[in-house]
Amino acid sequence: MASPEKKTYGYQERDQQQREEFIAQIEHMEPQEVVYLDEAGMNSQDSDYPYGYCEEGQRFDALKSGKRQGRMSMIAAWCYSTSQYG
């Protein structure tokens, strides 16, 4: 039986030289000058992901809707602060 492996995705458009230039640029910034942003999105049908258990070597089958539904986007930000409240 083959062991399950997770996939790791990367972007085809990534550019290692641009990444290194960006890192060199922010290395000289003061912590209070940097704001970290993270964007994430999910389809509303992704939240209805069935989980289950079965005997080893058996496949867990479940049904979910194939209809396209809405998409939710989320953006979070964090910035350095010396005070307790920002």
C-alpha atoms as a PDB file:
ATOM      1  CA  MET A   1       0.000   0.000   0.000  1.00  0.00           C
ATOM      2  CA  ALA A   2       1.397   3.383  -0.999  1.00  0.00           C
ATOM      3  CA  SER A   3       1.640   6.022   1.714  1.00  0.00           C
ATOM      4  CA  PRO A   4      -0.432   9.175   1.148  1.00  0.00           C
ATOM      5  CA  GLU A   5       1.602  12.259   0.314  1.00  0.00           C
ATOM      6  CA  LYS A   6       0.570  15.884   0.468  1.00  0.00           C
ATOM      7  CA  LYS A   7       1.194  18.202  -2.439  1.00  0.00           C
ATOM      8  CA  THR A   8       3.135  21.426  -2.132  1.00  0.00           C
ATOM      9  CA  TYR A   9       2.195  24.075  -4.658  1.00  0.00           C
ATOM     10  CA  GLY A  10       4.267  26.996  -5.850  1.00  0.00           C
ATOM     11  CA  TYR A  11       3.590  29.711  -8.392  1.00  0.00           C
ATOM     12  CA  GLN A  12       5.045  29.346 -11.876  1.00  0.00           C
ATOM     13  CA  GLU A  13       5.482  33.121 -12.025  1.00  0.00           C
ATOM     14  CA  ARG A  14       7.745  33.299  -8.987  1.00  0.00           C
ATOM     15  CA  ASP A  15      11.097  34.986  -9.493  1.00  0.00           C
ATOM     16  CA  GLN A  16      13.924  34.107  -7.094  1.00  0.00           C
ATOM     17  CA  GLN A  17      15.936  37.245  -7.964  1.00  0.00           C
ATOM     18  CA  GLN A  18      12.973  39.520  -7.162  1.00  0.00           C
ATOM     19  CA  ARG A  19      12.454  37.627  -3.899  1.00  0.00           C
ATOM     20  CA  GLU A  20      16.101  38.127  -2.880  1.00  0.00           C
ATOM     21  CA  GLU A  21      15.935  41.839  -3.771  1.00  0.00           C
ATOM     22  CA  PHE A  22      12.786  42.261  -1.701  1.00  0.00           C
ATOM     23  CA  ILE A  23      14.317  40.501   1.319  1.00  0.00           C
ATOM     24  CA  ALA A  24      17.438  42.681   1.047  1.00  0.00           C
ATOM     25  CA  GLN A  25      15.225  45.781   0.942  1.00  0.00           C
ATOM     26  CA  ILE A  26      13.172  44.952   4.048  1.00  0.00           C
ATOM     27  CA  GLU A  27      16.163  43.726   6.072  1.00  0.00           C
ATOM     28  CA  HIS A  28      17.159  47.368   6.601  1.00  0.00           C
ATOM     29  CA  MET A  29      13.709  48.535   7.716  1.00  0.00           C
ATOM     30  CA  GLU A  30      12.778  49.201  11.315  1.00  0.00           C
ATOM     31  CA  PRO A  31      10.193  46.750  12.724  1.00  0.00           C
ATOM     32  CA  GLN A  32       7.569  49.507  13.099  1.00  0.00           C
ATOM     33  CA  GLU A  33       7.871  50.260   9.354  1.00  0.00           C
ATOM     34  CA  VAL A  34       6.759  46.764   8.320  1.00  0.00           C
ATOM     35  CA  VAL A  35       3.171  45.539   8.057  1.00  0.00           C
ATOM     36  CA  TYR A  36       2.596  41.847   7.424  1.00  0.00           C
ATOM     37  CA  LEU A  37      -0.446  40.974   5.285  1.00  0.00           C
ATOM     38  CA  ASP A  38      -1.939  37.598   4.528  1.00  0.00           C
ATOM     39  CA  GLU A  39      -4.714  37.007   2.020  1.00  0.00           C
ATOM     40  CA  ALA A  40      -6.676  33.786   1.921  1.00  0.00           C
ATOM     41  CA  GLY A  41      -9.789  32.655   0.150  1.00  0.00           C
ATOM     42  CA  MET A  42     -12.058  29.677   0.130  1.00  0.00           C
ATOM     43  CA  ASN A  43     -15.122  28.519  -1.689  1.00  0.00           C
ATOM     44  CA  SER A  44     -18.126  28.203   0.592  1.00  0.00           C
ATOM     45  CA  GLN A  45     -18.450  24.551  -0.403  1.00  0.00           C
ATOM     46  CA  ASP A  46     -14.961  23.877   1.000  1.00  0.00           C
ATOM     47  CA  SER A  47     -16.330  24.259   4.525  1.00  0.00           C
ATOM     48  CA  ASP A  48     -18.597  21.244   3.951  1.00  0.00           C
ATOM     49  CA  TYR A  49     -15.716  18.825   3.617  1.00  0.00           C
ATOM     50  CA  PRO A  50     -16.776  15.351   4.791  1.00  0.00           C
ATOM     51  CA  TYR A  51     -14.567  13.533   7.269  1.00  0.00           C
ATOM     52  CA  GLY A  52     -14.857   9.914   8.256  1.00  0.00           C
ATOM     53  CA  TYR A  53     -13.048   6.770   9.253  1.00  0.00           C
ATOM     54  CA  CYS A  54     -12.828   3.337   7.694  1.00  0.00           C
ATOM     55  CA  GLU A  55     -10.670   0.278   7.914  1.00  0.00           C
ATOM     56  CA  GLU A  56      -7.076   0.550   6.768  1.00  0.00           C
ATOM     57  CA  GLY A  57      -6.787   0.035   3.046  1.00  0.00           C
ATOM     58  CA  GLN A  58     -10.435   0.976   2.465  1.00  0.00           C
ATOM     59  CA  ARG A  59     -11.553   4.224   0.847  1.00  0.00           C
ATOM     60  CA  PHE A  60     -13.904   6.646   2.613  1.00  0.00           C
ATOM     61  CA  ASP A  61     -16.560   7.768   0.127  1.00  0.00           C
ATOM     62  CA  ALA A  62     -18.818  10.769   0.707  1.00  0.00           C
ATOM     63  CA  LEU A  63     -20.920  13.093  -1.418  1.00  0.00           C
ATOM     64  CA  LYS A  64     -20.823  16.874  -1.612  1.00  0.00           C
ATOM     65  CA  SER A  65     -22.548  19.411  -3.802  1.00  0.00           C
ATOM     66  CA  GLY A  66     -21.051  20.044  -7.232  1.00  0.00           C
ATOM     67  CA  LYS A  67     -22.857  23.368  -7.606  1.00  0.00           C
ATOM     68  CA  ARG A  68     -20.620  26.428  -7.707  1.00  0.00           C
ATOM     69  CA  GLN A  69     -21.219  28.606  -4.691  1.00  0.00           C
ATOM     70  CA  GLY A  70     -19.883  31.877  -3.345  1.00  0.00           C
ATOM     71  CA  ARG A  71     -16.261  32.617  -2.492  1.00  0.00           C
ATOM     72  CA  MET A  72     -15.042  34.226   0.706  1.00  0.00           C
ATOM     73  CA  SER A  73     -11.855  36.284   0.796  1.00  0.00           C
ATOM     74  CA  MET A  74     -10.071  37.214   4.015  1.00  0.00           C
ATOM     75  CA  ILE A  75      -7.202  39.603   4.649  1.00  0.00           C
ATOM     76  CA  ALA A  76      -5.374  39.818   7.961  1.00  0.00           C
ATOM     77  CA  ALA A  77      -2.641  42.280   8.913  1.00  0.00           C
ATOM     78  CA  TRP A  78      -0.142  42.532  11.765  1.00  0.00           C
ATOM     79  CA  CYS A  79       2.176  45.372  12.596  1.00  0.00           C
ATOM     80  CA  TYR A  80       4.784  45.839  15.289  1.00  0.00           C
ATOM     81  CA  SER A  81       3.895  48.168  18.138  1.00  0.00           C
ATOM     82  CA  THR A  82       5.704  49.200  21.298  1.00  0.00           C
ATOM     83  CA  SER A  83       2.455  50.086  23.073  1.00  0.00           C
ATOM     84  CA  GLN A  84      -0.058  47.605  24.417  1.00  0.00           C
ATOM     85  CA  TYR A  85      -2.908  48.883  22.212  1.00  0.00           C
ATOM     86  CA  GLY A  86      -1.266  49.771  18.911  1.00  0.00           C
END
